[in-house]
């Protein structure tokens, strides 16, 4: 796997975690506005990665530890970006970004 792909992924993921923490702690009230953008970047990266890496025309793909991380993160991210974000937004009475 290309090293830049892993660096990009982890950079975006850690930024997502940081924004989540900042929003939950109320340190920066503008942080929720960035959720949509960061959610989209992470979501489309995971979509692209999964489509390219695990398409049906690829032969003999070894399932690596990074692949496992992406698959787990995809499931967690989909859960968090739909259910948890909605709960946090409602609990903190944050304005809807749509």
PDB file of N, CA and C in Angstrom:
ATOM      1  N   UNK A   1       0.847  -1.174   0.000  1.00  0.00           N
ATOM      2  CA  UNK A   1       0.000   0.000   0.000  1.00  0.00           C
ATOM      3  C   UNK A   1       0.890   1.234   0.000  1.00  0.00           C
ATOM      4  N   UNK A   2       0.474   2.201  -0.750  1.00  0.00           N
ATOM      5  CA  UNK A   2       1.227   3.444  -0.814  1.00  0.00           C
ATOM      6  C   UNK A   2       1.223   4.137   0.543  1.00  0.00           C
ATOM      7  N   UNK A   3       2.396   4.608   0.943  1.00  0.00           N
ATOM      8  CA  UNK A   3       2.523   5.242   2.252  1.00  0.00           C
ATOM      9  C   UNK A   3       1.739   6.545   2.340  1.00  0.00           C
ATOM     10  N   UNK A   4       1.652   7.301   1.244  1.00  0.00           N
ATOM     11  CA  UNK A   4       0.933   8.578   1.286  1.00  0.00           C
ATOM     12  C   UNK A   4      -0.558   8.365   1.530  1.00  0.00           C
ATOM     13  N   UNK A   5      -1.089   7.237   1.068  1.00  0.00           N
ATOM     14  CA  UNK A   5      -2.505   6.936   1.291  1.00  0.00           C
ATOM     15  C   UNK A   5      -2.755   6.751   2.783  1.00  0.00           C
ATOM     16  N   UNK A   6      -1.875   6.016   3.430  1.00  0.00           N
ATOM     17  CA  UNK A   6      -2.022   5.796   4.863  1.00  0.00           C
ATOM     18  C   UNK A   6      -1.861   7.096   5.641  1.00  0.00           C
ATOM     19  N   UNK A   7      -0.875   7.915   5.265  1.00  0.00           N
ATOM     20  CA  UNK A   7      -0.671   9.198   5.950  1.00  0.00           C
ATOM     21  C   UNK A   7      -1.877  10.112   5.777  1.00  0.00           C
ATOM     22  N   UNK A   8      -2.419  10.186   4.565  1.00  0.00           N
ATOM     23  CA  UNK A   8      -3.588  11.017   4.306  1.00  0.00           C
ATOM     24  C   UNK A   8      -4.770  10.544   5.141  1.00  0.00           C
ATOM     25  N   UNK A   9      -4.998   9.249   5.127  1.00  0.00           N
ATOM     26  CA  UNK A   9      -6.121   8.683   5.868  1.00  0.00           C
ATOM     27  C   UNK A   9      -6.011   8.987   7.354  1.00  0.00           C
ATOM     28  N   UNK A  10      -4.854   8.696   7.938  1.00  0.00           N
ATOM     29  CA  UNK A  10      -4.693   8.932   9.371  1.00  0.00           C
ATOM     30  C   UNK A  10      -4.755  10.422   9.710  1.00  0.00           C
ATOM     31  N   UNK A  11      -4.260  11.280   8.849  1.00  0.00           N
ATOM     32  CA  UNK A  11      -4.355  12.719   9.075  1.00  0.00           C
ATOM     33  C   UNK A  11      -5.786  13.195   9.127  1.00  0.00           C
ATOM     34  N   UNK A  12      -6.594  12.759   8.166  1.00  0.00           N
ATOM     35  CA  UNK A  12      -8.010  13.146   8.138  1.00  0.00           C
ATOM     36  C   UNK A  12      -8.762  12.532   9.317  1.00  0.00           C
ATOM     37  N   UNK A  13      -8.453  11.293   9.634  1.00  0.00           N
ATOM     38  CA  UNK A  13      -9.126  10.621  10.743  1.00  0.00           C
ATOM     39  C   UNK A  13      -8.834  11.317  12.069  1.00  0.00           C
ATOM     40  N   UNK A  14      -7.569  11.657  12.315  1.00  0.00           N
ATOM     41  CA  UNK A  14      -7.216  12.334  13.566  1.00  0.00           C
ATOM     42  C   UNK A  14      -7.805  13.738  13.628  1.00  0.00           C
ATOM     43  N   UNK A  15      -7.901  14.415  12.488  1.00  0.00           N
ATOM     44  CA  UNK A  15      -8.549  15.732  12.463  1.00  0.00           C
ATOM     45  C   UNK A  15     -10.030  15.579  12.813  1.00  0.00           C
ATOM     46  N   UNK A  16     -10.657  14.518  12.318  1.00  0.00           N
ATOM     47  CA  UNK A  16     -12.055  14.247  12.622  1.00  0.00           C
ATOM     48  C   UNK A  16     -12.235  14.010  14.123  1.00  0.00           C
ATOM     49  N   UNK A  17     -11.345  13.193  14.717  1.00  0.00           N
ATOM     50  CA  UNK A  17     -11.398  12.946  16.159  1.00  0.00           C
ATOM     51  C   UNK A  17     -11.221  14.251  16.940  1.00  0.00           C
ATOM     52  N   UNK A  18     -10.269  15.067  16.520  1.00  0.00           N
ATOM     53  CA  UNK A  18      -9.992  16.326  17.217  1.00  0.00           C
ATOM     54  C   UNK A  18     -11.205  17.259  17.158  1.00  0.00           C
ATOM     55  N   UNK A  19     -11.832  17.381  15.993  1.00  0.00           N
ATOM     56  CA  UNK A  19     -13.017  18.232  15.885  1.00  0.00           C
ATOM     57  C   UNK A  19     -14.152  17.716  16.755  1.00  0.00           C
ATOM     58  N   UNK A  20     -14.292  16.413  16.807  1.00  0.00           N
ATOM     59  CA  UNK A  20     -15.318  15.815  17.654  1.00  0.00           C
ATOM     60  C   UNK A  20     -15.085  16.201  19.111  1.00  0.00           C
ATOM     61  N   UNK A  21     -13.834  16.051  19.561  1.00  0.00           N
ATOM     62  CA  UNK A  21     -13.497  16.367  20.947  1.00  0.00           C
ATOM     63  C   UNK A  21     -13.704  17.847  21.237  1.00  0.00           C
ATOM     64  N   UNK A  22     -13.274  18.699  20.324  1.00  0.00           N
ATOM     65  CA  UNK A  22     -13.413  20.141  20.501  1.00  0.00           C
ATOM     66  C   UNK A  22     -14.887  20.528  20.579  1.00  0.00           C
ATOM     67  N   UNK A  23     -15.698  19.926  19.738  1.00  0.00           N
ATOM     68  CA  UNK A  23     -17.132  20.229  19.747  1.00  0.00           C
ATOM     69  C   UNK A  23     -17.794  19.729  21.028  1.00  0.00           C
ATOM     70  N   UNK A  24     -17.434  18.528  21.460  1.00  0.00           N
ATOM     71  CA  UNK A  24     -18.034  17.979  22.669  1.00  0.00           C
ATOM     72  C   UNK A  24     -17.665  18.773  23.916  1.00  0.00           C
ATOM     73  N   UNK A  25     -16.423  19.245  23.955  1.00  0.00           N
ATOM     74  CA  UNK A  25     -15.969  20.005  25.116  1.00  0.00           C
ATOM     75  C   UNK A  25     -16.402  21.465  25.064  1.00  0.00           C
ATOM     76  N   UNK A  26     -16.912  21.898  23.923  1.00  0.00           N
ATOM     77  CA  UNK A  26     -17.365  23.274  23.792  1.00  0.00           C
ATOM     78  C   UNK A  26     -16.244  24.282  23.717  1.00  0.00           C
ATOM     79  N   UNK A  27     -15.056  23.834  23.349  1.00  0.00           N
ATOM     80  CA  UNK A  27     -13.890  24.711  23.280  1.00  0.00           C
ATOM     81  C   UNK A  27     -14.012  25.685  22.111  1.00  0.00           C
ATOM     82  N   UNK A  28     -14.514  25.192  21.007  1.00  0.00           N
ATOM     83  CA  UNK A  28     -14.589  26.014  19.801  1.00  0.00           C
ATOM     84  C   UNK A  28     -15.978  25.844  19.205  1.00  0.00           C
ATOM     85  N   UNK A  29     -16.774  26.869  19.247  1.00  0.00           N
ATOM     86  CA  UNK A  29     -18.161  26.751  18.803  1.00  0.00           C
ATOM     87  C   UNK A  29     -18.307  26.659  17.292  1.00  0.00           C
ATOM     88  N   UNK A  30     -17.270  26.998  16.534  1.00  0.00           N
ATOM     89  CA  UNK A  30     -17.338  26.941  15.080  1.00  0.00           C
ATOM     90  C   UNK A  30     -17.052  25.521  14.577  1.00  0.00           C
ATOM     91  N   UNK A  31     -16.484  24.670  15.405  1.00  0.00           N
ATOM     92  CA  UNK A  31     -16.066  23.331  14.990  1.00  0.00           C
ATOM     93  C   UNK A  31     -17.167  22.508  14.319  1.00  0.00           C
ATOM     94  N   UNK A  32     -18.409  22.530  14.774  1.00  0.00           N
ATOM     95  CA  UNK A  32     -19.439  21.724  14.106  1.00  0.00           C
ATOM     96  C   UNK A  32     -19.630  22.076  12.630  1.00  0.00           C
ATOM     97  N   UNK A  33     -19.310  23.304  12.239  1.00  0.00           N
ATOM     98  CA  UNK A  33     -19.437  23.684  10.832  1.00  0.00           C
ATOM     99  C   UNK A  33     -18.485  22.890   9.950  1.00  0.00           C
ATOM    100  N   UNK A  34     -17.394  22.414  10.509  1.00  0.00           N
ATOM    101  CA  UNK A  34     -16.420  21.651   9.733  1.00  0.00           C
ATOM    102  C   UNK A  34     -16.748  20.172   9.650  1.00  0.00           C
ATOM    103  N   UNK A  35     -17.697  19.708  10.445  1.00  0.00           N
ATOM    104  CA  UNK A  35     -18.055  18.291  10.416  1.00  0.00           C
ATOM    105  C   UNK A  35     -18.493  17.830   9.036  1.00  0.00           C
ATOM    106  N   UNK A  36     -19.342  18.588   8.394  1.00  0.00           N
ATOM    107  CA  UNK A  36     -19.844  18.171   7.085  1.00  0.00           C
ATOM    108  C   UNK A  36     -18.719  17.998   6.083  1.00  0.00           C
ATOM    109  N   UNK A  37     -17.819  18.962   6.036  1.00  0.00           N
ATOM    110  CA  UNK A  37     -16.699  18.883   5.090  1.00  0.00           C
ATOM    111  C   UNK A  37     -15.788  17.713   5.415  1.00  0.00           C
ATOM    112  N   UNK A  38     -15.388  17.592   6.677  1.00  0.00           N
ATOM    113  CA  UNK A  38     -14.501  16.512   7.070  1.00  0.00           C
ATOM    114  C   UNK A  38     -15.180  15.157   6.936  1.00  0.00           C
ATOM    115  N   UNK A  39     -16.462  15.083   7.262  1.00  0.00           N
ATOM    116  CA  UNK A  39     -17.211  13.833   7.072  1.00  0.00           C
ATOM    117  C   UNK A  39     -17.216  13.433   5.598  1.00  0.00           C
ATOM    118  N   UNK A  40     -17.435  14.393   4.715  1.00  0.00           N
ATOM    119  CA  UNK A  40     -17.456  14.095   3.278  1.00  0.00           C
ATOM    120  C   UNK A  40     -16.098  13.625   2.780  1.00  0.00           C
ATOM    121  N   UNK A  41     -15.031  14.304   3.190  1.00  0.00           N
ATOM    122  CA  UNK A  41     -13.686  13.903   2.761  1.00  0.00           C
ATOM    123  C   UNK A  41     -13.395  12.481   3.214  1.00  0.00           C
ATOM    124  N   UNK A  42     -13.640  12.199   4.474  1.00  0.00           N
ATOM    125  CA  UNK A  42     -13.363  10.866   5.006  1.00  0.00           C
ATOM    126  C   UNK A  42     -14.256   9.815   4.359  1.00  0.00           C
ATOM    127  N   UNK A  43     -15.518  10.146   4.190  1.00  0.00           N
ATOM    128  CA  UNK A  43     -16.465   9.204   3.582  1.00  0.00           C
ATOM    129  C   UNK A  43     -16.069   8.864   2.151  1.00  0.00           C
ATOM    130  N   UNK A  44     -15.750   9.882   1.354  1.00  0.00           N
ATOM    131  CA  UNK A  44     -15.383   9.624  -0.046  1.00  0.00           C
ATOM    132  C   UNK A  44     -14.028   8.944  -0.172  1.00  0.00           C
ATOM    133  N   UNK A  45     -13.111   9.224   0.751  1.00  0.00           N
ATOM    134  CA  UNK A  45     -11.839   8.509   0.742  1.00  0.00           C
ATOM    135  C   UNK A  45     -12.070   7.027   0.995  1.00  0.00           C
ATOM    136  N   UNK A  46     -12.876   6.714   2.004  1.00  0.00           N
ATOM    137  CA  UNK A  46     -13.149   5.308   2.324  1.00  0.00           C
ATOM    138  C   UNK A  46     -13.873   4.627   1.171  1.00  0.00           C
ATOM    139  N   UNK A  47     -14.833   5.315   0.576  1.00  0.00           N
ATOM    140  CA  UNK A  47     -15.541   4.754  -0.584  1.00  0.00           C
ATOM    141  C   UNK A  47     -14.571   4.447  -1.711  1.00  0.00           C
ATOM    142  N   UNK A  48     -13.745   5.423  -2.050  1.00  0.00           N
ATOM    143  CA  UNK A  48     -12.767   5.233  -3.129  1.00  0.00           C
ATOM    144  C   UNK A  48     -11.793   4.112  -2.832  1.00  0.00           C
ATOM    145  N   UNK A  49     -11.285   4.089  -1.610  1.00  0.00           N
ATOM    146  CA  UNK A  49     -10.335   3.045  -1.223  1.00  0.00           C
ATOM    147  C   UNK A  49     -10.961   1.666  -1.349  1.00  0.00           C
ATOM    148  N   UNK A  50     -12.156   1.500  -0.805  1.00  0.00           N
ATOM    149  CA  UNK A  50     -12.810   0.192  -0.853  1.00  0.00           C
ATOM    150  C   UNK A  50     -13.132  -0.225  -2.281  1.00  0.00           C
ATOM    151  N   UNK A  51     -13.583   0.716  -3.114  1.00  0.00           N
ATOM    152  CA  UNK A  51     -13.892   0.382  -4.508  1.00  0.00           C
ATOM    153  C   UNK A  51     -12.648  -0.001  -5.303  1.00  0.00           C
ATOM    154  N   UNK A  52     -11.567   0.724  -5.109  1.00  0.00           N
ATOM    155  CA  UNK A  52     -10.339   0.431  -5.856  1.00  0.00           C
ATOM    156  C   UNK A  52      -9.678  -0.840  -5.333  1.00  0.00           C
ATOM    157  N   UNK A  53      -9.597  -0.964  -4.029  1.00  0.00           N
ATOM    158  CA  UNK A  53      -8.858  -2.083  -3.426  1.00  0.00           C
ATOM    159  C   UNK A  53      -9.598  -3.412  -3.544  1.00  0.00           C
ATOM    160  N   UNK A  54     -10.909  -3.395  -3.422  1.00  0.00           N
ATOM    161  CA  UNK A  54     -11.657  -4.650  -3.372  1.00  0.00           C
ATOM    162  C   UNK A  54     -12.663  -4.807  -4.503  1.00  0.00           C
ATOM    163  N   UNK A  55     -12.342  -4.271  -5.666  1.00  0.00           N
ATOM    164  CA  UNK A  55     -13.255  -4.443  -6.794  1.00  0.00           C
ATOM    165  C   UNK A  55     -13.190  -5.887  -7.291  1.00  0.00           C
ATOM    166  N   UNK A  56     -14.230  -6.372  -7.962  1.00  0.00           N
ATOM    167  CA  UNK A  56     -14.286  -7.783  -8.362  1.00  0.00           C
ATOM    168  C   UNK A  56     -13.272  -8.176  -9.446  1.00  0.00           C
ATOM    169  N   UNK A  57     -12.648  -7.214 -10.085  1.00  0.00           N
ATOM    170  CA  UNK A  57     -11.696  -7.525 -11.142  1.00  0.00           C
ATOM    171  C   UNK A  57     -10.263  -7.615 -10.649  1.00  0.00           C
ATOM    172  N   UNK A  58     -10.043  -7.340  -9.375  1.00  0.00           N
ATOM    173  CA  UNK A  58      -8.711  -7.437  -8.796  1.00  0.00           C
ATOM    174  C   UNK A  58      -8.418  -8.892  -8.464  1.00  0.00           C
ATOM    175  N   UNK A  59      -7.256  -9.338  -8.843  1.00  0.00           N
ATOM    176  CA  UNK A  59      -6.861 -10.731  -8.587  1.00  0.00           C
ATOM    177  C   UNK A  59      -5.882 -10.793  -7.421  1.00  0.00           C
ATOM    178  N   UNK A  60      -6.036 -11.791  -6.585  1.00  0.00           N
ATOM    179  CA  UNK A  60      -5.088 -12.105  -5.511  1.00  0.00           C
ATOM    180  C   UNK A  60      -4.720 -10.905  -4.656  1.00  0.00           C
ATOM    181  N   UNK A  61      -5.698 -10.320  -4.023  1.00  0.00           N
ATOM    182  CA  UNK A  61      -5.458  -9.200  -3.123  1.00  0.00           C
ATOM    183  C   UNK A  61      -5.262  -9.741  -1.717  1.00  0.00           C
ATOM    184  N   UNK A  62      -4.107  -9.438  -1.129  1.00  0.00           N
ATOM    185  CA  UNK A  62      -3.850  -9.842   0.248  1.00  0.00           C
ATOM    186  C   UNK A  62      -4.505  -8.825   1.178  1.00  0.00           C
ATOM    187  N   UNK A  63      -5.186  -9.321   2.181  1.00  0.00           N
ATOM    188  CA  UNK A  63      -5.869  -8.459   3.137  1.00  0.00           C
ATOM    189  C   UNK A  63      -4.862  -8.054   4.208  1.00  0.00           C
ATOM    190  N   UNK A  64      -4.449  -6.783   4.190  1.00  0.00           N
ATOM    191  CA  UNK A  64      -3.408  -6.295   5.096  1.00  0.00           C
ATOM    192  C   UNK A  64      -4.009  -5.719   6.374  1.00  0.00           C
ATOM    193  N   UNK A  65      -3.134  -5.377   7.300  1.00  0.00           N
ATOM    194  CA  UNK A  65      -3.582  -4.750   8.546  1.00  0.00           C
ATOM    195  C   UNK A  65      -4.217  -3.389   8.261  1.00  0.00           C
ATOM    196  N   UNK A  66      -3.683  -2.651   7.280  1.00  0.00           N
ATOM    197  CA  UNK A  66      -4.273  -1.355   6.932  1.00  0.00           C
ATOM    198  C   UNK A  66      -5.662  -1.550   6.332  1.00  0.00           C
ATOM    199  N   UNK A  67      -5.845  -2.587   5.530  1.00  0.00           N
ATOM    200  CA  UNK A  67      -7.170  -2.900   4.984  1.00  0.00           C
ATOM    201  C   UNK A  67      -8.160  -3.156   6.113  1.00  0.00           C
ATOM    202  N   UNK A  68      -7.727  -3.906   7.098  1.00  0.00           N
ATOM    203  CA  UNK A  68      -8.574  -4.203   8.249  1.00  0.00           C
ATOM    204  C   UNK A  68      -8.951  -2.910   8.972  1.00  0.00           C
ATOM    205  N   UNK A  69      -7.981  -2.007   9.111  1.00  0.00           N
ATOM    206  CA  UNK A  69      -8.238  -0.714   9.746  1.00  0.00           C
ATOM    207  C   UNK A  69      -9.271   0.086   8.968  1.00  0.00           C
ATOM    208  N   UNK A  70      -9.145   0.099   7.641  1.00  0.00           N
ATOM    209  CA  UNK A  70     -10.085   0.842   6.798  1.00  0.00           C
ATOM    210  C   UNK A  70     -11.493   0.259   6.914  1.00  0.00           C
ATOM    211  N   UNK A  71     -11.600  -1.048   6.876  1.00  0.00           N
ATOM    212  CA  UNK A  71     -12.919  -1.686   6.954  1.00  0.00           C
ATOM    213  C   UNK A  71     -13.571  -1.405   8.303  1.00  0.00           C
ATOM    214  N   UNK A  72     -12.809  -1.535   9.382  1.00  0.00           N
ATOM    215  CA  UNK A  72     -13.348  -1.237  10.702  1.00  0.00           C
ATOM    216  C   UNK A  72     -13.735   0.238  10.799  1.00  0.00           C
ATOM    217  N   UNK A  73     -12.877   1.112  10.311  1.00  0.00           N
ATOM    218  CA  UNK A  73     -13.161   2.545  10.356  1.00  0.00           C
ATOM    219  C   UNK A  73     -14.376   2.897   9.511  1.00  0.00           C
ATOM    220  N   UNK A  74     -14.549   2.208   8.399  1.00  0.00           N
ATOM    221  CA  UNK A  74     -15.722   2.460   7.556  1.00  0.00           C
ATOM    222  C   UNK A  74     -16.999   2.159   8.329  1.00  0.00           C
ATOM    223  N   UNK A  75     -17.020   1.030   8.998  1.00  0.00           N
ATOM    224  CA  UNK A  75     -18.204   0.673   9.776  1.00  0.00           C
ATOM    225  C   UNK A  75     -18.415   1.645  10.934  1.00  0.00           C
ATOM    226  N   UNK A  76     -17.345   1.963  11.652  1.00  0.00           N
ATOM    227  CA  UNK A  76     -17.443   2.890  12.777  1.00  0.00           C
ATOM    228  C   UNK A  76     -17.835   4.286  12.307  1.00  0.00           C
ATOM    229  N   UNK A  77     -17.225   4.745  11.231  1.00  0.00           N
ATOM    230  CA  UNK A  77     -17.496   6.082  10.714  1.00  0.00           C
ATOM    231  C   UNK A  77     -18.938   6.215  10.245  1.00  0.00           C
ATOM    232  N   UNK A  78     -19.447   5.200   9.571  1.00  0.00           N
ATOM    233  CA  UNK A  78     -20.839   5.249   9.130  1.00  0.00           C
ATOM    234  C   UNK A  78     -21.795   5.302  10.322  1.00  0.00           C
ATOM    235  N   UNK A  79     -21.482   4.531  11.343  1.00  0.00           N
ATOM    236  CA  UNK A  79     -22.304   4.573  12.548  1.00  0.00           C
ATOM    237  C   UNK A  79     -22.208   5.943  13.218  1.00  0.00           C
ATOM    238  N   UNK A  80     -20.998   6.426  13.388  1.00  0.00           N
ATOM    239  CA  UNK A  80     -20.785   7.695  14.091  1.00  0.00           C
ATOM    240  C   UNK A  80     -21.332   8.880  13.312  1.00  0.00           C
ATOM    241  N   UNK A  81     -21.135   8.881  12.015  1.00  0.00           N
ATOM    242  CA  UNK A  81     -21.559  10.047  11.236  1.00  0.00           C
ATOM    243  C   UNK A  81     -23.069  10.128  11.086  1.00  0.00           C
ATOM    244  N   UNK A  82     -23.745   9.026  11.300  1.00  0.00           N
ATOM    245  CA  UNK A  82     -25.204   9.075  11.193  1.00  0.00           C
ATOM    246  C   UNK A  82     -25.859   9.182  12.563  1.00  0.00           C
ATOM    247  N   UNK A  83     -25.618   8.238  13.408  1.00  0.00           N
ATOM    248  CA  UNK A  83     -26.327   8.185  14.691  1.00  0.00           C
ATOM    249  C   UNK A  83     -25.741   9.124  15.735  1.00  0.00           C
ATOM    250  N   UNK A  84     -24.459   9.018  15.983  1.00  0.00           N
ATOM    251  CA  UNK A  84     -23.839   9.766  17.068  1.00  0.00           C
ATOM    252  C   UNK A  84     -23.837  11.263  16.783  1.00  0.00           C
ATOM    253  N   UNK A  85     -23.512  11.656  15.564  1.00  0.00           N
ATOM    254  CA  UNK A  85     -23.504  13.076  15.224  1.00  0.00           C
ATOM    255  C   UNK A  85     -24.891  13.677  15.401  1.00  0.00           C
ATOM    256  N   UNK A  86     -25.894  12.948  15.008  1.00  0.00           N
ATOM    257  CA  UNK A  86     -27.265  13.418  15.184  1.00  0.00           C
ATOM    258  C   UNK A  86     -27.613  13.570  16.661  1.00  0.00           C
ATOM    259  N   UNK A  87     -27.215  12.613  17.465  1.00  0.00           N
ATOM    260  CA  UNK A  87     -27.480  12.680  18.900  1.00  0.00           C
ATOM    261  C   UNK A  87     -26.755  13.855  19.553  1.00  0.00           C
ATOM    262  N   UNK A  88     -25.485  14.052  19.194  1.00  0.00           N
ATOM    263  CA  UNK A  88     -24.707  15.145  19.772  1.00  0.00           C
ATOM    264  C   UNK A  88     -25.296  16.488  19.364  1.00  0.00           C
ATOM    265  N   UNK A  89     -25.644  16.619  18.103  1.00  0.00           N
ATOM    266  CA  UNK A  89     -26.217  17.871  17.617  1.00  0.00           C
ATOM    267  C   UNK A  89     -27.508  18.193  18.352  1.00  0.00           C
ATOM    268  N   UNK A  90     -28.350  17.195  18.540  1.00  0.00           N
ATOM    269  CA  UNK A  90     -29.611  17.409  19.255  1.00  0.00           C
ATOM    270  C   UNK A  90     -29.391  17.672  20.742  1.00  0.00           C
ATOM    271  N   UNK A  91     -28.451  16.959  21.350  1.00  0.00           N
ATOM    272  CA  UNK A  91     -28.200  17.112  22.787  1.00  0.00           C
ATOM    273  C   UNK A  91     -27.618  18.494  23.108  1.00  0.00           C
ATOM    274  N   UNK A  92     -26.749  19.001  22.242  1.00  0.00           N
ATOM    275  CA  UNK A  92     -26.124  20.295  22.485  1.00  0.00           C
ATOM    276  C   UNK A  92     -26.895  21.446  21.864  1.00  0.00           C
ATOM    277  N   UNK A  93     -28.017  21.128  21.214  1.00  0.00           N
ATOM    278  CA  UNK A  93     -28.837  22.136  20.542  1.00  0.00           C
ATOM    279  C   UNK A  93     -28.038  22.965  19.544  1.00  0.00           C
ATOM    280  N   UNK A  94     -27.182  22.265  18.784  1.00  0.00           N
ATOM    281  CA  UNK A  94     -26.385  22.938  17.773  1.00  0.00           C
ATOM    282  C   UNK A  94     -27.249  23.179  16.540  1.00  0.00           C
ATOM    283  N   UNK A  95     -26.970  24.251  15.816  1.00  0.00           N
ATOM    284  CA  UNK A  95     -27.757  24.498  14.609  1.00  0.00           C
ATOM    285  C   UNK A  95     -27.487  23.441  13.547  1.00  0.00           C
ATOM    286  N   UNK A  96     -28.497  23.115  12.786  1.00  0.00           N
ATOM    287  CA  UNK A  96     -28.353  22.152  11.698  1.00  0.00           C
ATOM    288  C   UNK A  96     -27.534  22.779  10.584  1.00  0.00           C
ATOM    289  N   UNK A  97     -26.541  22.074  10.075  1.00  0.00           N
ATOM    290  CA  UNK A  97     -25.624  22.618   9.078  1.00  0.00           C
ATOM    291  C   UNK A  97     -26.146  22.481   7.655  1.00  0.00           C
ATOM    292  N   UNK A  98     -27.342  21.923   7.463  1.00  0.00           N
ATOM    293  CA  UNK A  98     -27.857  21.711   6.115  1.00  0.00           C
ATOM    294  C   UNK A  98     -28.803  22.799   5.721  1.00  0.00           C
TER     295      UNK A  98
END
